[in-house]
């Protein structure tokens, strides 16, 4: 996949941008709903991370089996975990800062 990532960098950037927006929107939407329902900080943060998380491992297997290892679908599924981990790590710091500023307790 490394060869495809380098040679199809525009495709990778398009997929990465869409995934970043997806993770942020889903995460903060879930966090807001959990906050409005009166959930404590720990439970709301846990639910938000669970909602934003994807099963890219399964997506990679299905994409390779259905479309082949050199397909754009397999490449997109491979880019997912590469984007997911740093974005969710950034969201850890964002939700900690947000909870501290709001005085959000359990």
N, C-alpha and C. Protein backbone atom coordinates (compact mmCIF):
# COMPACT_ATOMS: atom_id res chain seq x y z
N UNK A 1 0.81 -1.19 0.00
CA UNK A 1 0.00 0.00 0.00
C UNK A 1 0.86 1.26 0.00
N UNK A 2 2.08 1.18 0.50
CA UNK A 2 2.94 2.35 0.55
C UNK A 2 3.16 2.96 -0.82
N UNK A 3 3.33 2.11 -1.82
CA UNK A 3 3.52 2.59 -3.20
C UNK A 3 2.29 3.35 -3.67
N UNK A 4 1.11 2.82 -3.38
CA UNK A 4 -0.13 3.49 -3.79
C UNK A 4 -0.33 4.81 -3.04
N UNK A 5 0.02 4.84 -1.76
CA UNK A 5 -0.14 6.07 -0.99
C UNK A 5 0.70 7.18 -1.60
N UNK A 6 1.93 6.87 -1.96
CA UNK A 6 2.83 7.88 -2.53
C UNK A 6 2.37 8.32 -3.91
N UNK A 7 1.91 7.39 -4.71
CA UNK A 7 1.54 7.71 -6.09
C UNK A 7 0.12 8.25 -6.25
N UNK A 8 -0.69 8.12 -5.23
CA UNK A 8 -2.06 8.65 -5.28
C UNK A 8 -2.30 9.60 -4.11
N UNK A 9 -1.37 10.50 -3.90
CA UNK A 9 -1.41 11.36 -2.72
C UNK A 9 -2.64 12.26 -2.69
N UNK A 10 -3.12 12.71 -3.83
CA UNK A 10 -4.32 13.55 -3.87
C UNK A 10 -5.53 12.76 -3.37
N UNK A 11 -5.65 11.51 -3.80
CA UNK A 11 -6.73 10.64 -3.34
C UNK A 11 -6.62 10.46 -1.82
N UNK A 12 -5.43 10.23 -1.33
CA UNK A 12 -5.21 10.03 0.11
C UNK A 12 -5.60 11.29 0.89
N UNK A 13 -5.22 12.45 0.38
CA UNK A 13 -5.56 13.71 1.06
C UNK A 13 -7.07 13.93 1.08
N UNK A 14 -7.74 13.60 -0.03
CA UNK A 14 -9.21 13.72 -0.06
C UNK A 14 -9.87 12.82 0.96
N UNK A 15 -9.41 11.59 1.04
CA UNK A 15 -9.97 10.64 2.02
C UNK A 15 -9.66 11.11 3.44
N UNK A 16 -8.43 11.56 3.67
CA UNK A 16 -8.02 12.00 5.00
C UNK A 16 -8.84 13.21 5.44
N UNK A 17 -9.05 14.17 4.56
CA UNK A 17 -9.83 15.36 4.92
C UNK A 17 -11.26 14.99 5.31
N UNK A 18 -11.86 14.11 4.53
CA UNK A 18 -13.23 13.68 4.84
C UNK A 18 -13.28 12.95 6.18
N UNK A 19 -12.29 12.12 6.46
CA UNK A 19 -12.27 11.39 7.72
C UNK A 19 -12.06 12.32 8.91
N UNK A 20 -11.21 13.31 8.77
CA UNK A 20 -10.97 14.25 9.86
C UNK A 20 -12.26 14.99 10.20
N UNK A 21 -12.96 15.47 9.18
CA UNK A 21 -14.23 16.15 9.41
C UNK A 21 -15.23 15.20 10.07
N UNK A 22 -15.31 13.97 9.57
CA UNK A 22 -16.22 12.97 10.13
C UNK A 22 -15.94 12.74 11.62
N UNK A 23 -14.68 12.48 11.97
CA UNK A 23 -14.34 12.20 13.37
C UNK A 23 -14.72 13.37 14.27
N UNK A 24 -14.40 14.58 13.86
CA UNK A 24 -14.66 15.76 14.68
C UNK A 24 -16.17 15.99 14.84
N UNK A 25 -16.91 15.92 13.75
CA UNK A 25 -18.36 16.17 13.81
C UNK A 25 -19.06 15.11 14.66
N UNK A 26 -18.78 13.86 14.42
CA UNK A 26 -19.43 12.77 15.17
C UNK A 26 -19.05 12.85 16.65
N UNK A 27 -17.78 13.09 16.93
CA UNK A 27 -17.32 13.15 18.31
C UNK A 27 -18.03 14.25 19.08
N UNK A 28 -17.99 15.48 18.55
CA UNK A 28 -18.57 16.60 19.29
C UNK A 28 -20.09 16.58 19.30
N UNK A 29 -20.72 16.00 18.30
CA UNK A 29 -22.17 15.83 18.33
C UNK A 29 -22.57 14.88 19.45
N UNK A 30 -21.88 13.78 19.56
CA UNK A 30 -22.16 12.82 20.63
C UNK A 30 -21.86 13.43 21.99
N UNK A 31 -20.76 14.16 22.09
CA UNK A 31 -20.40 14.79 23.36
C UNK A 31 -21.46 15.80 23.78
N UNK A 32 -21.95 16.59 22.85
CA UNK A 32 -22.98 17.58 23.15
C UNK A 32 -24.28 16.91 23.60
N UNK A 33 -24.68 15.87 22.89
CA UNK A 33 -25.91 15.15 23.26
C UNK A 33 -25.76 14.54 24.66
N UNK A 34 -24.62 13.92 24.92
CA UNK A 34 -24.40 13.31 26.24
C UNK A 34 -24.39 14.37 27.33
N UNK A 35 -23.80 15.51 27.05
CA UNK A 35 -23.79 16.61 28.03
C UNK A 35 -25.21 17.09 28.32
N UNK A 36 -25.98 17.28 27.26
CA UNK A 36 -27.36 17.77 27.41
C UNK A 36 -28.24 16.75 28.15
N UNK A 37 -27.92 15.46 28.02
CA UNK A 37 -28.67 14.43 28.74
C UNK A 37 -28.23 14.29 30.19
N UNK A 38 -27.20 15.04 30.57
CA UNK A 38 -26.75 15.03 31.95
C UNK A 38 -25.73 13.97 32.30
N UNK A 39 -25.10 13.39 31.30
CA UNK A 39 -24.06 12.39 31.57
C UNK A 39 -22.87 13.07 32.21
N UNK A 40 -22.17 12.33 33.04
CA UNK A 40 -20.93 12.84 33.61
C UNK A 40 -19.84 12.89 32.54
N UNK A 41 -18.77 13.57 32.87
CA UNK A 41 -17.66 13.77 31.93
C UNK A 41 -17.10 12.45 31.42
N UNK A 42 -16.82 11.53 32.32
CA UNK A 42 -16.18 10.26 31.92
C UNK A 42 -17.06 9.45 30.98
N UNK A 43 -18.32 9.33 31.31
CA UNK A 43 -19.23 8.56 30.47
C UNK A 43 -19.46 9.24 29.12
N UNK A 44 -19.61 10.54 29.13
CA UNK A 44 -19.82 11.28 27.87
C UNK A 44 -18.60 11.18 26.96
N UNK A 45 -17.42 11.32 27.52
CA UNK A 45 -16.20 11.20 26.72
C UNK A 45 -16.04 9.79 26.17
N UNK A 46 -16.32 8.80 26.99
CA UNK A 46 -16.23 7.41 26.53
C UNK A 46 -17.19 7.14 25.38
N UNK A 47 -18.42 7.60 25.51
CA UNK A 47 -19.40 7.40 24.45
C UNK A 47 -19.00 8.13 23.17
N UNK A 48 -18.44 9.31 23.31
CA UNK A 48 -18.02 10.08 22.14
C UNK A 48 -16.89 9.38 21.39
N UNK A 49 -15.93 8.84 22.12
CA UNK A 49 -14.84 8.12 21.46
C UNK A 49 -15.33 6.83 20.83
N UNK A 50 -16.25 6.15 21.50
CA UNK A 50 -16.81 4.92 20.93
C UNK A 50 -17.57 5.21 19.65
N UNK A 51 -18.32 6.30 19.62
CA UNK A 51 -19.09 6.66 18.44
C UNK A 51 -18.19 7.06 17.28
N UNK A 52 -17.15 7.82 17.57
CA UNK A 52 -16.26 8.30 16.51
C UNK A 52 -15.33 7.21 15.98
N UNK A 53 -15.11 6.18 16.77
CA UNK A 53 -14.22 5.10 16.36
C UNK A 53 -14.85 4.28 15.24
N UNK A 54 -14.02 3.79 14.35
CA UNK A 54 -14.48 2.93 13.26
C UNK A 54 -13.76 1.60 13.30
N UNK A 55 -14.35 0.61 12.68
CA UNK A 55 -13.73 -0.71 12.59
C UNK A 55 -12.99 -0.82 11.26
N UNK A 56 -11.89 -0.07 11.14
CA UNK A 56 -11.15 -0.07 9.89
C UNK A 56 -10.51 -1.42 9.58
N UNK A 57 -10.21 -2.19 10.62
CA UNK A 57 -9.61 -3.49 10.38
C UNK A 57 -10.54 -4.37 9.55
N UNK A 58 -11.80 -4.35 9.91
CA UNK A 58 -12.80 -5.11 9.16
C UNK A 58 -12.98 -4.52 7.76
N UNK A 59 -12.96 -3.19 7.65
CA UNK A 59 -13.11 -2.53 6.35
C UNK A 59 -11.97 -2.89 5.41
N UNK A 60 -10.76 -2.99 5.93
CA UNK A 60 -9.62 -3.36 5.09
C UNK A 60 -9.79 -4.77 4.55
N UNK A 61 -10.17 -5.69 5.40
CA UNK A 61 -10.36 -7.08 4.98
C UNK A 61 -11.44 -7.19 3.91
N UNK A 62 -12.56 -6.53 4.12
CA UNK A 62 -13.66 -6.59 3.16
C UNK A 62 -13.26 -5.92 1.84
N UNK A 63 -12.60 -4.78 1.91
CA UNK A 63 -12.19 -4.07 0.68
C UNK A 63 -11.20 -4.89 -0.12
N UNK A 64 -10.24 -5.52 0.53
CA UNK A 64 -9.26 -6.35 -0.18
C UNK A 64 -9.93 -7.57 -0.78
N UNK A 65 -10.82 -8.20 -0.02
CA UNK A 65 -11.50 -9.39 -0.52
C UNK A 65 -12.43 -9.07 -1.69
N UNK A 66 -13.13 -7.95 -1.59
CA UNK A 66 -14.12 -7.61 -2.62
C UNK A 66 -13.52 -6.94 -3.84
N UNK A 67 -12.54 -6.06 -3.64
CA UNK A 67 -12.04 -5.23 -4.74
C UNK A 67 -10.59 -5.49 -5.12
N UNK A 68 -9.87 -6.23 -4.29
CA UNK A 68 -8.46 -6.51 -4.58
C UNK A 68 -7.55 -5.59 -3.79
N UNK A 69 -6.33 -6.05 -3.57
CA UNK A 69 -5.37 -5.32 -2.72
C UNK A 69 -4.93 -4.00 -3.34
N UNK A 70 -4.97 -3.87 -4.65
CA UNK A 70 -4.51 -2.65 -5.31
C UNK A 70 -5.63 -1.68 -5.67
N UNK A 71 -6.81 -1.88 -5.11
CA UNK A 71 -7.94 -1.03 -5.45
C UNK A 71 -7.95 0.25 -4.62
N UNK A 72 -8.67 1.25 -5.11
CA UNK A 72 -8.83 2.50 -4.36
C UNK A 72 -9.61 2.27 -3.07
N UNK A 73 -10.52 1.32 -3.07
CA UNK A 73 -11.29 1.02 -1.87
C UNK A 73 -10.37 0.49 -0.76
N UNK A 74 -9.44 -0.39 -1.13
CA UNK A 74 -8.49 -0.91 -0.14
C UNK A 74 -7.57 0.21 0.35
N UNK A 75 -7.17 1.10 -0.55
CA UNK A 75 -6.33 2.23 -0.16
C UNK A 75 -7.06 3.13 0.82
N UNK A 76 -8.33 3.43 0.54
CA UNK A 76 -9.11 4.28 1.44
C UNK A 76 -9.27 3.63 2.81
N UNK A 77 -9.49 2.34 2.84
CA UNK A 77 -9.63 1.63 4.11
C UNK A 77 -8.31 1.60 4.87
N UNK A 78 -7.21 1.61 4.16
CA UNK A 78 -5.89 1.61 4.79
C UNK A 78 -5.55 2.99 5.35
N UNK A 79 -5.99 4.03 4.69
CA UNK A 79 -5.72 5.39 5.15
C UNK A 79 -6.47 5.68 6.45
N UNK A 80 -7.63 5.05 6.63
CA UNK A 80 -8.47 5.29 7.81
C UNK A 80 -7.74 5.21 9.13
N UNK A 81 -7.10 4.09 9.46
CA UNK A 81 -6.41 4.00 10.75
C UNK A 81 -5.25 4.98 10.88
N UNK A 82 -4.63 5.32 9.76
CA UNK A 82 -3.52 6.27 9.80
C UNK A 82 -3.99 7.66 10.20
N UNK A 83 -5.24 7.97 9.90
CA UNK A 83 -5.83 9.26 10.24
C UNK A 83 -6.53 9.18 11.59
N UNK A 84 -7.18 8.07 11.86
CA UNK A 84 -8.00 7.93 13.07
C UNK A 84 -7.20 8.12 14.35
N UNK A 85 -6.07 7.49 14.45
CA UNK A 85 -5.31 7.53 15.70
C UNK A 85 -4.86 8.95 16.07
N UNK A 86 -4.21 9.69 15.18
CA UNK A 86 -3.80 11.05 15.58
C UNK A 86 -4.98 11.99 15.83
N UNK A 87 -6.06 11.84 15.07
CA UNK A 87 -7.21 12.72 15.27
C UNK A 87 -7.86 12.43 16.62
N UNK A 88 -8.07 11.16 16.93
CA UNK A 88 -8.68 10.83 18.22
C UNK A 88 -7.77 11.20 19.38
N UNK A 89 -6.47 11.11 19.19
CA UNK A 89 -5.54 11.55 20.23
C UNK A 89 -5.68 13.05 20.46
N UNK A 90 -5.80 13.81 19.39
CA UNK A 90 -6.03 15.24 19.51
C UNK A 90 -7.35 15.55 20.21
N UNK A 91 -8.36 14.73 19.94
CA UNK A 91 -9.66 14.92 20.59
C UNK A 91 -9.60 14.63 22.08
N UNK A 92 -8.69 13.76 22.51
CA UNK A 92 -8.49 13.52 23.94
C UNK A 92 -8.12 14.83 24.63
N UNK A 93 -7.16 15.53 24.06
CA UNK A 93 -6.73 16.80 24.65
C UNK A 93 -7.83 17.86 24.55
N UNK A 94 -8.56 17.85 23.45
CA UNK A 94 -9.65 18.83 23.28
C UNK A 94 -10.74 18.63 24.31
N UNK A 95 -11.15 17.39 24.54
CA UNK A 95 -12.24 17.14 25.50
C UNK A 95 -11.76 17.38 26.93
N UNK A 96 -10.50 17.10 27.22
CA UNK A 96 -9.98 17.41 28.56
C UNK A 96 -9.97 18.92 28.81
N UNK A 97 -9.56 19.68 27.82
CA UNK A 97 -9.56 21.15 27.94
C UNK A 97 -10.98 21.69 28.07
N UNK A 98 -11.88 21.15 27.26
CA UNK A 98 -13.28 21.58 27.31
C UNK A 98 -13.90 21.29 28.68
N UNK A 99 -13.66 20.10 29.20
CA UNK A 99 -14.21 19.73 30.50
C UNK A 99 -13.64 20.61 31.61
N UNK A 100 -12.37 20.94 31.50
CA UNK A 100 -11.74 21.79 32.52
C UNK A 100 -12.33 23.20 32.47
N UNK A 101 -12.50 23.74 31.27
CA UNK A 101 -13.04 25.10 31.13
C UNK A 101 -14.49 25.19 31.59
N UNK A 102 -15.25 24.11 31.35
CA UNK A 102 -16.67 24.12 31.71
C UNK A 102 -16.91 23.68 33.15
N UNK A 103 -15.86 23.18 33.80
CA UNK A 103 -16.03 22.67 35.15
C UNK A 103 -16.88 21.42 35.17
N UNK A 104 -16.79 20.64 34.11
CA UNK A 104 -17.61 19.43 33.95
C UNK A 104 -17.08 18.31 34.80
N UNK A 105 -17.85 17.86 35.73
CA UNK A 105 -17.46 16.77 36.65
C UNK A 105 -18.30 15.54 36.37
N UNK A 106 -17.93 14.48 37.05
CA UNK A 106 -18.71 13.23 36.92
C UNK A 106 -19.97 13.29 37.70
